[in-house]
Amino acid sequence: MAYQTAKFGGASRAAAEGPSFSLRAGIAAMILALAGCGSGSGDESGQGGMPLVATLPSIQANVFSIYCVRCHTGATAPFGLSLDPEFSAGNLINVVSPRDPDPMHPTLIRVVPGDPDASFLIQKLQGTQAPELGERMPDGGPYLLTPTINVIRQWIQDGAQP
C-alpha cells in the first residue's frame, strides 16, 4: 500500500508540475527545430533554388547571380568582370586582374585553382586586398557571410572546376 501511495503521490506531483520531462524535452526540441526554419543566412540552402555547395553552378545560382550581377554584368562590367552565368568561369579562373600592377609577373589572379588565399576573388570578398585595389565586395554590402565565402574557398581549393 505504501508503494501505491508513493506512486500516486509522485503522479500527483508530476501532474501539478506540468508535462513529463520527456514531453517537455520533445516540445523543446520541436521549438528549436522550428526556430531554425527560415532563419538561416541562406548559406545552407541557397537562394538560387539549389543547395549552396562547392561547385561553380551552385555558387553561380546562389551567390554570383544574386549578389554580384547587379554590377558585374554585360559589356560594362567593372574591370571586364562579367559574372553572368555564361561568362563567369572564363572571366575568373586563371585570369589576371586588370588591376595587377605587373601583368608580366602577375600577383592578382582572380581565381587560382587550388589556392584560395592567392585568389584575388577571395581577397575582395573578405576585404583583405590592398586598399588601393578597391573596396570589399559586394560593393557597399551587405557582405557575404563567412560560411558562404568558405564554400567559394572550397570550390577554389578543389580545383575551381567550371
Protein backbone atom coordinates (compact mmCIF):
# COMPACT_ATOMS: atom_id res chain seq x y z
CA MET A 1 0.00 0.00 0.00
CA ALA A 2 2.84 2.35 0.79
CA TYR A 3 4.15 1.82 -2.74
CA GLN A 4 0.85 2.79 -4.29
CA THR A 5 0.64 5.90 -2.12
CA ALA A 6 4.16 6.96 -3.08
CA LYS A 7 3.47 6.27 -6.75
CA PHE A 8 0.18 8.16 -6.60
CA GLY A 9 1.87 11.00 -4.72
CA GLY A 10 4.58 11.13 -7.41
CA ALA A 11 1.98 11.17 -10.18
CA SER A 12 0.07 13.93 -8.44
CA ARG A 13 3.25 15.96 -8.04
CA ALA A 14 4.14 15.41 -11.73
CA ALA A 15 0.63 16.44 -12.79
CA ALA A 16 0.86 19.55 -10.65
CA GLU A 17 4.30 20.41 -12.09
CA GLY A 18 3.15 20.09 -15.69
CA PRO A 19 4.10 17.76 -18.54
CA SER A 20 6.56 14.95 -18.01
CA PHE A 21 10.25 15.51 -18.69
CA SER A 22 10.17 13.56 -21.95
CA LEU A 23 7.18 15.57 -23.20
CA ARG A 24 8.88 18.84 -22.24
CA ALA A 25 12.10 17.73 -23.94
CA GLY A 26 10.15 16.83 -27.07
CA ILE A 27 8.40 20.19 -27.12
CA ALA A 28 11.73 21.99 -26.60
CA ALA A 29 13.31 20.05 -29.45
CA MET A 30 10.37 20.88 -31.74
CA ILE A 31 10.58 24.59 -30.86
CA LEU A 32 14.31 24.63 -31.61
CA ALA A 33 13.79 22.84 -34.90
CA LEU A 34 11.03 25.23 -35.94
CA ALA A 35 13.07 28.25 -34.85
CA GLY A 36 15.76 27.20 -37.31
CA CYS A 37 13.34 27.04 -40.23
CA GLY A 38 13.70 30.07 -42.42
CA SER A 39 16.01 31.88 -40.04
CA GLY A 40 19.25 30.85 -41.69
CA SER A 41 21.53 33.02 -43.77
CA GLY A 42 20.73 31.21 -46.99
CA ASP A 43 24.13 29.56 -46.84
CA GLU A 44 22.91 26.02 -46.27
CA SER A 45 20.18 26.12 -48.86
CA GLY A 46 20.88 28.69 -51.47
CA GLN A 47 18.55 31.41 -52.57
CA GLY A 48 19.02 30.33 -56.17
CA GLY A 49 16.79 27.32 -55.64
CA MET A 50 19.51 24.76 -55.02
CA PRO A 51 21.77 23.96 -52.06
CA LEU A 52 24.95 26.01 -51.81
CA VAL A 53 27.79 23.58 -52.39
CA ALA A 54 31.36 23.98 -53.60
CA THR A 55 30.63 23.84 -57.34
CA LEU A 56 30.52 26.68 -59.82
CA PRO A 57 26.88 26.04 -60.85
CA SER A 58 25.81 26.25 -57.19
CA ILE A 59 27.93 29.33 -56.48
CA GLN A 60 26.66 30.94 -59.68
CA ALA A 61 22.99 30.36 -58.78
CA ASN A 62 23.26 31.19 -55.08
CA VAL A 63 25.90 33.91 -54.98
CA PHE A 64 27.02 35.45 -58.28
CA SER A 65 23.55 35.68 -59.84
CA ILE A 66 22.07 37.11 -56.64
CA TYR A 67 24.73 39.39 -55.20
CA CYS A 68 27.22 40.13 -57.98
CA VAL A 69 25.44 40.57 -61.31
CA ARG A 70 23.70 43.73 -60.16
CA CYS A 71 27.05 45.36 -61.09
CA HIS A 72 29.12 42.64 -62.77
CA THR A 73 27.01 42.08 -65.86
CA GLY A 74 27.27 42.69 -69.58
CA ALA A 75 29.83 44.68 -71.55
CA THR A 76 30.01 47.44 -68.94
CA ALA A 77 31.01 45.17 -66.04
CA PRO A 78 33.73 46.73 -63.88
CA PHE A 79 37.21 45.67 -64.99
CA GLY A 80 35.63 43.40 -67.59
CA LEU A 81 34.46 41.02 -64.89
CA SER A 82 31.05 39.90 -66.07
CA LEU A 83 29.70 37.28 -63.71
CA ASP A 84 26.77 36.38 -65.91
CA PRO A 85 26.41 32.57 -65.95
CA GLU A 86 27.84 32.11 -69.43
CA PHE A 87 30.94 34.22 -68.67
CA SER A 88 31.87 33.75 -65.01
CA ALA A 89 34.23 30.75 -65.39
CA GLY A 90 36.09 32.31 -68.30
CA ASN A 91 36.38 35.65 -66.51
CA LEU A 92 37.56 34.19 -63.19
CA ILE A 93 39.64 31.03 -63.49
CA ASN A 94 43.34 31.79 -64.11
CA VAL A 95 42.52 35.33 -65.29
CA VAL A 96 44.86 38.17 -64.30
CA SER A 97 43.02 41.18 -62.93
CA PRO A 98 43.48 44.38 -64.95
CA ARG A 99 44.39 45.95 -61.60
CA ASP A 100 47.57 43.87 -61.39
CA PRO A 101 50.49 46.28 -61.04
CA ASP A 102 52.84 43.99 -63.02
CA PRO A 103 50.99 41.91 -65.62
CA MET A 104 54.31 40.41 -66.75
CA HIS A 105 54.66 38.91 -63.25
CA PRO A 106 51.02 38.73 -62.12
CA THR A 107 50.06 38.53 -58.50
CA LEU A 108 46.38 39.42 -58.84
CA ILE A 109 44.87 36.36 -60.44
CA ARG A 110 41.12 36.30 -59.92
CA VAL A 111 40.88 32.57 -59.14
CA VAL A 112 43.97 30.41 -58.70
CA PRO A 113 42.72 26.80 -58.79
CA GLY A 114 43.86 25.01 -55.64
CA ASP A 115 44.92 28.21 -53.85
CA PRO A 116 42.08 30.30 -52.38
CA ASP A 117 44.47 32.53 -50.42
CA ALA A 118 46.22 33.59 -53.65
CA SER A 119 42.89 34.20 -55.39
CA PHE A 120 42.00 37.89 -55.78
CA LEU A 121 38.29 36.95 -55.64
CA ILE A 122 38.66 35.70 -52.06
CA GLN A 123 40.66 38.78 -51.09
CA LYS A 124 37.90 41.04 -52.46
CA LEU A 125 35.13 39.05 -50.75
CA GLN A 126 36.95 39.09 -47.41
CA GLY A 127 38.15 42.69 -47.75
CA THR A 128 41.80 41.74 -47.30
CA GLN A 129 43.08 43.23 -50.58
CA ALA A 130 45.37 46.26 -50.54
CA PRO A 131 43.34 49.49 -50.06
CA GLU A 132 44.40 50.84 -53.45
CA LEU A 133 42.71 47.84 -55.07
CA GLY A 134 39.21 49.00 -54.26
CA GLU A 135 36.55 48.16 -51.76
CA ARG A 136 35.35 44.89 -50.33
CA MET A 137 32.75 43.16 -52.48
CA PRO A 138 29.85 43.23 -52.91
CA ASP A 139 30.36 46.98 -53.17
CA GLY A 140 28.64 48.71 -50.26
CA GLY A 141 27.47 45.40 -48.78
CA PRO A 142 25.75 43.52 -47.46
CA TYR A 143 28.88 41.39 -47.46
CA LEU A 144 28.80 37.65 -47.86
CA LEU A 145 28.82 35.68 -44.65
CA THR A 146 31.87 33.61 -43.75
CA PRO A 147 30.13 30.27 -44.45
CA THR A 148 29.32 31.46 -47.99
CA ILE A 149 32.89 32.62 -48.58
CA ASN A 150 34.10 29.29 -47.21
CA VAL A 151 32.08 27.44 -49.86
CA ILE A 152 33.74 29.57 -52.55
CA ARG A 153 37.13 28.91 -50.92
CA GLN A 154 36.39 25.17 -51.01
CA TRP A 155 35.47 25.32 -54.72
CA ILE A 156 38.81 27.03 -55.41
CA GLN A 157 40.69 24.59 -53.14
CA ASP A 158 39.08 21.69 -55.02
CA GLY A 159 40.48 23.00 -58.32
CA ALA A 160 37.86 25.59 -59.38
CA GLN A 161 36.22 23.40 -61.97
CA PRO A 162 33.89 25.27 -64.36
